[in-house]
Amino acid sequence: MSAQAPISEDRRIYGFTATLLGVSFDDALARTTDALKAEGFGVLSDIDVQRTMKDKLGVDMPAYRILGACNPPLAHQALQAEPDIGLLLPCNVIVREAAPGRVVVGFLDPQIMVNLVGKPEMRSIADMAEQRLRRACAKLGGETAST
């Protein structure tokens, strides 16, 4: 199976995304999990938003998952620097079907934690997490735009 290049990367004030074309949702989800694992992140939680909306509200929607990604060494450092940082952990990653064959994968920018907490010692931890998440994003295929 060849890697499909993201058609775009979009930086928002709270994260960055890659849009994949010509892939199924399940393939994009598996590739995202593999890319996270390659950067030392495990998936602690996997919320199936599509199923939850159907079960709780009877609403149909495209496939949408929220992955709670955690890099244990970085999480440990963050918790040592700020015990209440757990309110902002783990790093959320979304995988959502925008259209058939078009899947958006979004990553929370760890710098958000630094901005919210206001502790300078968090900056280096967030920098390391951001670098790893950006590499995971790039591993989804192709090049990503620098921001």
C-alpha atoms as a PDB file:
ATOM      1  CA  MET A   1       0.000   0.000   0.000  1.00  0.00           C
ATOM      2  CA  SER A   2       1.499   3.327  -1.008  1.00  0.00           C
ATOM      3  CA  ALA A   3       1.328   6.407   1.159  1.00  0.00           C
ATOM      4  CA  GLN A   4      -1.087   9.032  -0.067  1.00  0.00           C
ATOM      5  CA  ALA A   5       0.199  12.568   0.327  1.00  0.00           C
ATOM      6  CA  PRO A   6      -1.825  15.064   2.308  1.00  0.00           C
ATOM      7  CA  ILE A   7      -3.318  17.621  -0.022  1.00  0.00           C
ATOM      8  CA  SER A   8      -2.963  20.343   2.552  1.00  0.00           C
ATOM      9  CA  GLU A   9      -1.897  21.197   6.029  1.00  0.00           C
ATOM     10  CA  ASP A  10      -3.867  23.890   7.787  1.00  0.00           C
ATOM     11  CA  ARG A  11      -2.625  25.555  10.955  1.00  0.00           C
ATOM     12  CA  ARG A  12      -5.296  26.842  13.276  1.00  0.00           C
ATOM     13  CA  ILE A  13      -4.784  28.654  16.526  1.00  0.00           C
ATOM     14  CA  TYR A  14      -5.228  25.361  18.388  1.00  0.00           C
ATOM     15  CA  GLY A  15      -3.765  22.746  16.062  1.00  0.00           C
ATOM     16  CA  PHE A  16      -2.697  21.588  12.636  1.00  0.00           C
ATOM     17  CA  THR A  17      -4.285  19.211  10.135  1.00  0.00           C
ATOM     18  CA  ALA A  18      -3.486  17.059   7.145  1.00  0.00           C
ATOM     19  CA  THR A  19      -6.131  16.185   4.569  1.00  0.00           C
ATOM     20  CA  LEU A  20      -5.718  12.810   2.881  1.00  0.00           C
ATOM     21  CA  LEU A  21      -7.255  11.959  -0.486  1.00  0.00           C
ATOM     22  CA  GLY A  22      -8.001   8.545  -1.916  1.00  0.00           C
ATOM     23  CA  VAL A  23      -7.980   6.726   1.410  1.00  0.00           C
ATOM     24  CA  SER A  24     -10.710   5.053   3.392  1.00  0.00           C
ATOM     25  CA  PHE A  25     -11.515   6.248   6.874  1.00  0.00           C
ATOM     26  CA  ASP A  26     -10.324   2.969   8.390  1.00  0.00           C
ATOM     27  CA  ASP A  27      -7.027   3.182   6.504  1.00  0.00           C
ATOM     28  CA  ALA A  28      -6.474   6.782   7.633  1.00  0.00           C
ATOM     29  CA  LEU A  29      -7.264   5.804  11.229  1.00  0.00           C
ATOM     30  CA  ALA A  30      -4.801   2.893  11.149  1.00  0.00           C
ATOM     31  CA  ARG A  31      -2.091   5.019   9.522  1.00  0.00           C
ATOM     32  CA  THR A  32      -2.611   7.747  12.117  1.00  0.00           C
ATOM     33  CA  THR A  33      -2.307   5.279  14.986  1.00  0.00           C
ATOM     34  CA  ASP A  34       0.850   3.792  13.418  1.00  0.00           C
ATOM     35  CA  ALA A  35       2.374   7.256  12.881  1.00  0.00           C
ATOM     36  CA  LEU A  36       1.682   8.183  16.507  1.00  0.00           C
ATOM     37  CA  LYS A  37       3.206   4.919  17.724  1.00  0.00           C
ATOM     38  CA  ALA A  38       6.347   5.558  15.650  1.00  0.00           C
ATOM     39  CA  GLU A  39       6.770   8.824  17.587  1.00  0.00           C
ATOM     40  CA  GLY A  40       6.305   7.204  21.001  1.00  0.00           C
ATOM     41  CA  PHE A  41       2.602   7.992  21.466  1.00  0.00           C
ATOM     42  CA  GLY A  42       0.109   5.392  22.587  1.00  0.00           C
ATOM     43  CA  VAL A  43      -3.626   5.844  22.176  1.00  0.00           C
ATOM     44  CA  LEU A  44      -5.150   5.921  25.657  1.00  0.00           C
ATOM     45  CA  SER A  45      -8.664   6.635  24.464  1.00  0.00           C
ATOM     46  CA  ASP A  46     -10.591   6.278  21.230  1.00  0.00           C
ATOM     47  CA  ILE A  47     -13.912   8.077  21.183  1.00  0.00           C
ATOM     48  CA  ASP A  48     -16.219   7.097  18.334  1.00  0.00           C
ATOM     49  CA  VAL A  49     -18.157  10.342  17.927  1.00  0.00           C
ATOM     50  CA  GLN A  50     -20.192   8.983  15.010  1.00  0.00           C
ATOM     51  CA  ARG A  51     -21.464   6.043  17.083  1.00  0.00           C
ATOM     52  CA  THR A  52     -22.093   8.205  20.153  1.00  0.00           C
ATOM     53  CA  MET A  53     -24.179  10.717  18.184  1.00  0.00           C
ATOM     54  CA  LYS A  54     -26.179   7.859  16.648  1.00  0.00           C
ATOM     55  CA  ASP A  55     -26.701   6.079  19.977  1.00  0.00           C
ATOM     56  CA  LYS A  56     -27.466   9.148  22.096  1.00  0.00           C
ATOM     57  CA  LEU A  57     -29.190  11.480  19.630  1.00  0.00           C
ATOM     58  CA  GLY A  58     -30.240   9.281  16.717  1.00  0.00           C
ATOM     59  CA  VAL A  59     -28.166  11.541  14.454  1.00  0.00           C
ATOM     60  CA  ASP A  60     -26.243  10.239  11.451  1.00  0.00           C
ATOM     61  CA  MET A  61     -22.887  11.835  10.708  1.00  0.00           C
ATOM     62  CA  PRO A  62     -19.695  10.930   8.866  1.00  0.00           C
ATOM     63  CA  ALA A  63     -17.039   8.850  10.616  1.00  0.00           C
ATOM     64  CA  TYR A  64     -15.304  10.881  13.343  1.00  0.00           C
ATOM     65  CA  ARG A  65     -12.919   9.669  16.030  1.00  0.00           C
ATOM     66  CA  ILE A  66     -11.080  11.491  18.798  1.00  0.00           C
ATOM     67  CA  LEU A  67      -7.864   9.773  19.837  1.00  0.00           C
ATOM     68  CA  GLY A  68      -6.261  10.556  23.191  1.00  0.00           C
ATOM     69  CA  ALA A  69      -2.546  10.290  22.360  1.00  0.00           C
ATOM     70  CA  CYS A  70       0.041  10.070  25.124  1.00  0.00           C
ATOM     71  CA  ASN A  71       3.830   9.966  25.111  1.00  0.00           C
ATOM     72  CA  PRO A  72       4.547   8.663  28.640  1.00  0.00           C
ATOM     73  CA  PRO A  73       7.991  10.288  29.156  1.00  0.00           C
ATOM     74  CA  LEU A  74       6.690  13.691  28.038  1.00  0.00           C
ATOM     75  CA  ALA A  75       3.495  13.326  30.068  1.00  0.00           C
ATOM     76  CA  HIS A  76       5.578  12.465  33.142  1.00  0.00           C
ATOM     77  CA  GLN A  77       7.768  15.549  32.665  1.00  0.00           C
ATOM     78  CA  ALA A  78       4.697  17.737  32.213  1.00  0.00           C
ATOM     79  CA  LEU A  79       3.038  16.339  35.341  1.00  0.00           C
ATOM     80  CA  GLN A  80       6.224  16.940  37.331  1.00  0.00           C
ATOM     81  CA  ALA A  81       6.310  20.568  36.181  1.00  0.00           C
ATOM     82  CA  GLU A  82       2.579  21.171  36.681  1.00  0.00           C
ATOM     83  CA  PRO A  83       0.488  18.513  38.475  1.00  0.00           C
ATOM     84  CA  ASP A  84      -2.800  19.953  37.198  1.00  0.00           C
ATOM     85  CA  ILE A  85      -1.684  19.680  33.544  1.00  0.00           C
ATOM     86  CA  GLY A  86      -3.666  16.441  33.495  1.00  0.00           C
ATOM     87  CA  LEU A  87      -6.689  18.623  32.809  1.00  0.00           C
ATOM     88  CA  LEU A  88      -5.183  19.231  29.358  1.00  0.00           C
ATOM     89  CA  LEU A  89      -3.889  15.710  28.681  1.00  0.00           C
ATOM     90  CA  PRO A  90      -3.729  13.583  26.636  1.00  0.00           C
ATOM     91  CA  CYS A  91      -3.045  15.261  23.301  1.00  0.00           C
ATOM     92  CA  ASN A  92      -6.180  15.015  21.192  1.00  0.00           C
ATOM     93  CA  VAL A  93      -5.945  13.848  17.602  1.00  0.00           C
ATOM     94  CA  ILE A  94      -9.029  13.758  15.398  1.00  0.00           C
ATOM     95  CA  VAL A  95      -9.646  11.605  12.363  1.00  0.00           C
ATOM     96  CA  ARG A  96     -12.764  12.627  10.466  1.00  0.00           C
ATOM     97  CA  GLU A  97     -14.276  11.802   7.135  1.00  0.00           C
ATOM     98  CA  ALA A  98     -14.847  15.061   5.281  1.00  0.00           C
ATOM     99  CA  ALA A  99     -16.189  13.252   2.179  1.00  0.00           C
ATOM    100  CA  PRO A 100     -15.839   9.729   0.762  1.00  0.00           C
ATOM    101  CA  GLY A 101     -12.123   9.232   0.128  1.00  0.00           C
ATOM    102  CA  ARG A 102     -11.220  12.507   1.875  1.00  0.00           C
ATOM    103  CA  VAL A 103     -10.118  12.246   5.514  1.00  0.00           C
ATOM    104  CA  VAL A 104      -8.900  15.069   7.745  1.00  0.00           C
ATOM    105  CA  VAL A 105      -6.440  14.242  10.530  1.00  0.00           C
ATOM    106  CA  GLY A 106      -6.015  17.014  13.095  1.00  0.00           C
ATOM    107  CA  PHE A 107      -3.497  17.353  15.909  1.00  0.00           C
ATOM    108  CA  LEU A 108      -3.828  19.554  18.980  1.00  0.00           C
ATOM    109  CA  ASP A 109      -0.878  21.950  19.177  1.00  0.00           C
ATOM    110  CA  PRO A 110       0.885  21.250  22.506  1.00  0.00           C
ATOM    111  CA  GLN A 111       1.882  24.929  22.661  1.00  0.00           C
ATOM    112  CA  ILE A 112      -1.711  25.565  23.757  1.00  0.00           C
ATOM    113  CA  MET A 113      -0.786  24.013  27.113  1.00  0.00           C
ATOM    114  CA  VAL A 114       2.090  26.448  27.561  1.00  0.00           C
ATOM    115  CA  ASN A 115      -0.163  29.391  26.762  1.00  0.00           C
ATOM    116  CA  LEU A 116      -2.836  28.244  29.211  1.00  0.00           C
ATOM    117  CA  VAL A 117      -0.517  27.237  32.055  1.00  0.00           C
ATOM    118  CA  GLY A 118       1.922  30.119  31.786  1.00  0.00           C
ATOM    119  CA  LYS A 119       4.893  28.184  33.193  1.00  0.00           C
ATOM    120  CA  PRO A 120       8.103  28.654  31.187  1.00  0.00           C
ATOM    121  CA  GLU A 121       9.366  25.177  32.126  1.00  0.00           C
ATOM    122  CA  MET A 122       6.496  23.726  30.095  1.00  0.00           C
ATOM    123  CA  ARG A 123       7.827  25.261  26.865  1.00  0.00           C
ATOM    124  CA  SER A 124      10.563  22.647  26.225  1.00  0.00           C
ATOM    125  CA  ILE A 125       8.148  19.785  26.922  1.00  0.00           C
ATOM    126  CA  ALA A 126       5.573  21.265  24.556  1.00  0.00           C
ATOM    127  CA  ASP A 127       8.306  21.822  21.949  1.00  0.00           C
ATOM    128  CA  MET A 128       9.284  18.141  22.082  1.00  0.00           C
ATOM    129  CA  ALA A 129       5.652  17.004  21.889  1.00  0.00           C
ATOM    130  CA  GLU A 130       4.953  19.341  18.972  1.00  0.00           C
ATOM    131  CA  GLN A 131       7.993  18.082  17.044  1.00  0.00           C
ATOM    132  CA  ARG A 132       6.872  14.485  17.513  1.00  0.00           C
ATOM    133  CA  LEU A 133       3.266  15.217  16.528  1.00  0.00           C
ATOM    134  CA  ARG A 134       4.394  17.112  13.431  1.00  0.00           C
ATOM    135  CA  ARG A 135       6.558  14.149  12.430  1.00  0.00           C
ATOM    136  CA  ALA A 136       3.549  11.860  12.937  1.00  0.00           C
ATOM    137  CA  CYS A 137       1.539  14.194  10.704  1.00  0.00           C
ATOM    138  CA  ALA A 138       4.271  14.077   8.049  1.00  0.00           C
ATOM    139  CA  LYS A 139       4.371  10.260   8.251  1.00  0.00           C
ATOM    140  CA  LEU A 140       0.817  10.176   6.975  1.00  0.00           C
ATOM    141  CA  GLY A 141       2.396  10.809   3.589  1.00  0.00           C
ATOM    142  CA  GLY A 142       4.017  13.548   1.552  1.00  0.00           C
ATOM    143  CA  GLU A 143       5.307  16.878   2.737  1.00  0.00           C
ATOM    144  CA  THR A 144       3.638  19.268   5.095  1.00  0.00           C
ATOM    145  CA  ALA A 145       3.688  23.026   4.903  1.00  0.00           C
ATOM    146  CA  SER A 146       5.896  24.806   7.408  1.00  0.00           C
ATOM    147  CA  THR A 147       4.210  27.312   9.652  1.00  0.00           C
END
